[in-house]
Each structure stands twice: as structure tokens, then as C-alpha cells.
N, C-alpha and C. Protein backbone atom coordinates (compact mmCIF):
# COMPACT_ATOMS: atom_id res chain seq x y z
N UNK A 1 -2.50 11.50 52.82
CA UNK A 1 -1.15 11.86 53.19
C UNK A 1 -0.59 12.80 52.11
N UNK A 2 -0.01 13.89 52.52
CA UNK A 2 0.60 14.84 51.61
C UNK A 2 2.11 14.81 51.79
N UNK A 3 2.81 14.75 50.67
CA UNK A 3 4.27 14.75 50.71
C UNK A 3 4.80 16.15 50.43
N UNK A 4 5.90 16.48 51.10
CA UNK A 4 6.55 17.75 50.83
C UNK A 4 7.32 17.64 49.51
N UNK A 5 7.72 18.77 48.98
CA UNK A 5 8.50 18.80 47.76
C UNK A 5 9.79 18.01 47.93
N UNK A 6 10.44 18.16 49.07
CA UNK A 6 11.69 17.45 49.34
C UNK A 6 11.48 15.94 49.36
N UNK A 7 10.36 15.49 49.91
CA UNK A 7 10.06 14.06 49.96
C UNK A 7 9.80 13.52 48.54
N UNK A 8 9.05 14.29 47.74
CA UNK A 8 8.78 13.86 46.37
C UNK A 8 10.07 13.80 45.57
N UNK A 9 10.95 14.77 45.78
CA UNK A 9 12.23 14.81 45.08
C UNK A 9 13.09 13.61 45.48
N UNK A 10 13.10 13.28 46.76
CA UNK A 10 13.88 12.13 47.24
C UNK A 10 13.35 10.83 46.63
N UNK A 11 12.03 10.71 46.51
CA UNK A 11 11.45 9.51 45.90
C UNK A 11 11.82 9.43 44.42
N UNK A 12 11.71 10.54 43.71
CA UNK A 12 12.03 10.51 42.28
C UNK A 12 13.51 10.24 42.05
N UNK A 13 14.38 10.70 42.95
CA UNK A 13 15.81 10.47 42.82
C UNK A 13 16.18 9.02 43.13
N UNK A 14 15.30 8.31 43.83
CA UNK A 14 15.61 6.94 44.21
C UNK A 14 15.45 5.97 43.03
N UNK A 15 14.72 6.37 42.00
CA UNK A 15 14.57 5.53 40.81
C UNK A 15 15.83 5.63 39.97
N UNK A 16 16.21 4.50 39.39
CA UNK A 16 17.34 4.53 38.46
C UNK A 16 16.92 5.30 37.22
N UNK A 17 17.61 6.35 36.93
CA UNK A 17 17.28 7.16 35.77
C UNK A 17 18.31 6.91 34.69
N UNK A 18 18.08 5.82 33.96
CA UNK A 18 19.00 5.43 32.89
C UNK A 18 18.81 6.37 31.70
N UNK A 19 19.92 6.83 31.15
CA UNK A 19 19.84 7.71 29.99
C UNK A 19 19.54 6.90 28.75
N UNK A 20 18.75 7.50 27.85
CA UNK A 20 18.43 6.85 26.59
C UNK A 20 19.67 6.80 25.71
N UNK A 21 19.82 5.67 24.99
CA UNK A 21 20.85 5.59 23.98
C UNK A 21 20.40 6.45 22.80
N UNK A 22 21.28 7.26 22.28
CA UNK A 22 20.92 8.19 21.21
C UNK A 22 21.59 7.79 19.90
N UNK A 23 20.93 8.15 18.79
CA UNK A 23 21.49 7.97 17.45
C UNK A 23 21.54 9.34 16.79
N UNK A 24 22.65 9.65 16.15
CA UNK A 24 22.80 10.93 15.48
C UNK A 24 22.23 10.84 14.06
N UNK A 25 21.35 11.80 13.72
CA UNK A 25 20.73 11.87 12.39
C UNK A 25 21.11 13.20 11.75
N UNK A 26 21.27 13.19 10.43
CA UNK A 26 21.61 14.40 9.66
C UNK A 26 20.63 14.53 8.51
N UNK A 27 20.15 15.76 8.28
CA UNK A 27 19.21 16.03 7.20
C UNK A 27 19.95 15.99 5.86
N UNK A 28 19.36 15.28 4.91
CA UNK A 28 19.95 15.18 3.57
C UNK A 28 19.79 16.48 2.79
N UNK A 29 18.83 17.33 3.18
CA UNK A 29 18.57 18.58 2.46
C UNK A 29 19.36 19.76 3.01
N UNK A 30 19.25 20.00 4.33
CA UNK A 30 19.85 21.21 4.89
C UNK A 30 21.08 20.96 5.77
N UNK A 31 21.36 19.68 6.10
CA UNK A 31 22.54 19.36 6.89
C UNK A 31 22.34 19.45 8.40
N UNK A 32 21.12 19.80 8.86
CA UNK A 32 20.84 19.88 10.29
C UNK A 32 21.07 18.52 10.94
N UNK A 33 21.73 18.50 12.10
CA UNK A 33 21.98 17.26 12.84
C UNK A 33 21.22 17.26 14.15
N UNK A 34 20.77 16.09 14.55
CA UNK A 34 19.99 15.95 15.78
C UNK A 34 20.18 14.54 16.32
N UNK A 35 20.24 14.42 17.64
CA UNK A 35 20.28 13.12 18.28
C UNK A 35 18.85 12.68 18.58
N UNK A 36 18.55 11.43 18.23
CA UNK A 36 17.21 10.87 18.41
C UNK A 36 17.34 9.65 19.32
N UNK A 37 16.46 9.49 20.32
CA UNK A 37 16.53 8.30 21.17
C UNK A 37 16.38 7.03 20.32
N UNK A 38 17.21 6.04 20.60
CA UNK A 38 17.20 4.80 19.84
C UNK A 38 15.84 4.11 19.93
N UNK A 39 15.17 4.21 21.08
CA UNK A 39 13.88 3.53 21.22
C UNK A 39 12.85 4.10 20.25
N UNK A 40 12.96 5.39 19.92
CA UNK A 40 12.05 6.00 18.94
C UNK A 40 12.30 5.38 17.56
N UNK A 41 13.57 5.23 17.21
CA UNK A 41 13.93 4.63 15.93
C UNK A 41 13.48 3.18 15.87
N UNK A 42 13.66 2.44 16.97
CA UNK A 42 13.23 1.04 17.02
C UNK A 42 11.73 0.91 16.83
N UNK A 43 10.97 1.80 17.45
CA UNK A 43 9.51 1.78 17.30
C UNK A 43 9.12 2.04 15.85
N UNK A 44 9.76 3.01 15.20
CA UNK A 44 9.45 3.33 13.81
C UNK A 44 9.83 2.15 12.91
N UNK A 45 10.95 1.50 13.21
CA UNK A 45 11.37 0.34 12.41
C UNK A 45 10.33 -0.77 12.50
N UNK A 46 9.80 -1.02 13.70
CA UNK A 46 8.76 -2.04 13.87
C UNK A 46 7.55 -1.72 13.00
N UNK A 47 7.15 -0.47 12.98
CA UNK A 47 6.01 -0.05 12.17
C UNK A 47 6.33 -0.25 10.68
N UNK A 48 7.52 0.16 10.27
CA UNK A 48 7.93 0.02 8.87
C UNK A 48 7.99 -1.45 8.45
N UNK A 49 8.53 -2.32 9.32
CA UNK A 49 8.62 -3.75 9.00
C UNK A 49 7.22 -4.36 8.90
N UNK A 50 6.33 -3.96 9.78
CA UNK A 50 4.95 -4.45 9.74
C UNK A 50 4.29 -4.05 8.42
N UNK A 51 4.68 -2.88 7.90
CA UNK A 51 4.11 -2.38 6.64
C UNK A 51 4.81 -2.99 5.42
N UNK A 52 5.82 -3.84 5.65
CA UNK A 52 6.45 -4.53 4.53
C UNK A 52 7.82 -4.06 4.12
N UNK A 53 8.47 -3.23 4.92
CA UNK A 53 9.82 -2.75 4.57
C UNK A 53 10.80 -3.92 4.51
N UNK A 54 11.76 -3.86 3.61
CA UNK A 54 12.79 -4.87 3.45
C UNK A 54 13.82 -4.71 4.57
N UNK A 55 13.89 -5.69 5.47
CA UNK A 55 14.79 -5.59 6.62
C UNK A 55 16.27 -5.55 6.21
N UNK A 56 16.62 -6.24 5.13
CA UNK A 56 18.02 -6.31 4.71
C UNK A 56 18.53 -4.96 4.22
N UNK A 57 17.67 -4.16 3.60
CA UNK A 57 18.10 -2.88 3.02
C UNK A 57 17.60 -1.68 3.83
N UNK A 58 17.10 -1.93 5.04
CA UNK A 58 16.44 -0.87 5.82
C UNK A 58 17.43 0.14 6.36
N UNK A 59 17.17 1.42 6.11
CA UNK A 59 17.90 2.53 6.72
C UNK A 59 16.84 3.39 7.42
N UNK A 60 16.93 3.53 8.75
CA UNK A 60 15.93 4.34 9.45
C UNK A 60 15.98 5.79 9.00
N UNK A 61 14.85 6.44 9.00
CA UNK A 61 14.80 7.86 8.64
C UNK A 61 13.77 8.56 9.48
N UNK A 62 13.89 9.86 9.54
CA UNK A 62 12.93 10.70 10.24
C UNK A 62 12.84 12.02 9.48
N UNK A 63 11.96 12.89 9.92
CA UNK A 63 11.75 14.16 9.23
C UNK A 63 12.48 15.28 9.95
N UNK A 64 13.16 16.12 9.20
CA UNK A 64 13.89 17.26 9.75
C UNK A 64 12.92 18.31 10.28
N UNK A 65 13.15 18.77 11.49
CA UNK A 65 12.27 19.79 12.07
C UNK A 65 12.58 21.18 11.53
N UNK A 66 13.71 21.34 10.84
CA UNK A 66 14.08 22.64 10.28
C UNK A 66 13.48 22.86 8.90
N UNK A 67 13.55 21.81 8.02
CA UNK A 67 13.14 22.02 6.63
C UNK A 67 12.16 20.95 6.11
N UNK A 68 11.78 20.01 6.97
CA UNK A 68 10.90 18.89 6.61
C UNK A 68 11.55 17.93 5.62
N UNK A 69 12.86 18.01 5.47
CA UNK A 69 13.58 17.07 4.61
C UNK A 69 13.73 15.73 5.30
N UNK A 70 14.35 14.79 4.61
CA UNK A 70 14.57 13.45 5.15
C UNK A 70 15.89 13.41 5.91
N UNK A 71 15.84 12.84 7.12
CA UNK A 71 17.04 12.67 7.93
C UNK A 71 17.38 11.20 8.00
N UNK A 72 18.68 10.89 7.89
CA UNK A 72 19.16 9.52 8.02
C UNK A 72 20.29 9.50 9.04
N UNK A 73 20.59 8.31 9.58
CA UNK A 73 21.69 8.23 10.55
C UNK A 73 22.96 8.80 9.94
N UNK A 74 23.66 9.59 10.70
CA UNK A 74 24.86 10.26 10.23
C UNK A 74 25.88 9.26 9.69
N UNK A 75 26.04 8.12 10.36
CA UNK A 75 27.02 7.13 9.90
C UNK A 75 26.64 6.54 8.55
N UNK A 76 25.36 6.41 8.23
CA UNK A 76 24.96 5.84 6.93
C UNK A 76 25.17 6.84 5.80
N UNK A 77 25.08 8.14 6.09
CA UNK A 77 25.31 9.16 5.07
C UNK A 77 26.79 9.16 4.68
N UNK A 78 27.67 9.04 5.67
CA UNK A 78 29.11 9.00 5.40
C UNK A 78 29.47 7.77 4.57
N UNK A 79 28.79 6.64 4.82
CA UNK A 79 29.05 5.41 4.09
C UNK A 79 28.59 5.51 2.65
N UNK A 80 27.50 6.27 2.40
CA UNK A 80 26.93 6.38 1.07
C UNK A 80 27.75 7.26 0.15
N UNK A 81 28.57 8.15 0.71
CA UNK A 81 29.34 9.11 -0.11
C UNK A 81 30.51 8.46 -0.79
């Protein structure tokens, strides 16, 4: 059975397409800001905790795509200042 484009589109539209919760990150080096899906951060945290990271002092981080610097959640940078 072959479906038309319209039929495939109708099927794909019938699924609930929940938007990802996003977290805002800012580069500590160049100031670039980017929203990152929370599930990506949660996955990285699980890996970090498995490797022995201290959960009480944990601040998630990622790498800046502009300068390869360290990015942290925007709200934690404001708190640290």
C-alpha cells in the first residue's frame, strides 16, 4: 500500500508534537547565547553523575559552537556575578 503525501502529512499531524523544554545557556568566553533542550542537559548530567560528579555542586555545561568555550545556564551566570 502506498500513501499519498497528504495522507502521510495527516498521519504525522495526528501525533501530539510536544515542544521540548529549553534551557538558555551563555558562553563564559564570548557571550554567545543558545537554547538547549532540557533532555540533552539531563542526559549529560546522568553521564556526569555516573562519572562521579558532585550532585550538590553540579552546574550543567556545554561547549560553545562559536568559540569552543564553556557555556553555563544563563541564570547561574547571573547568580555567580
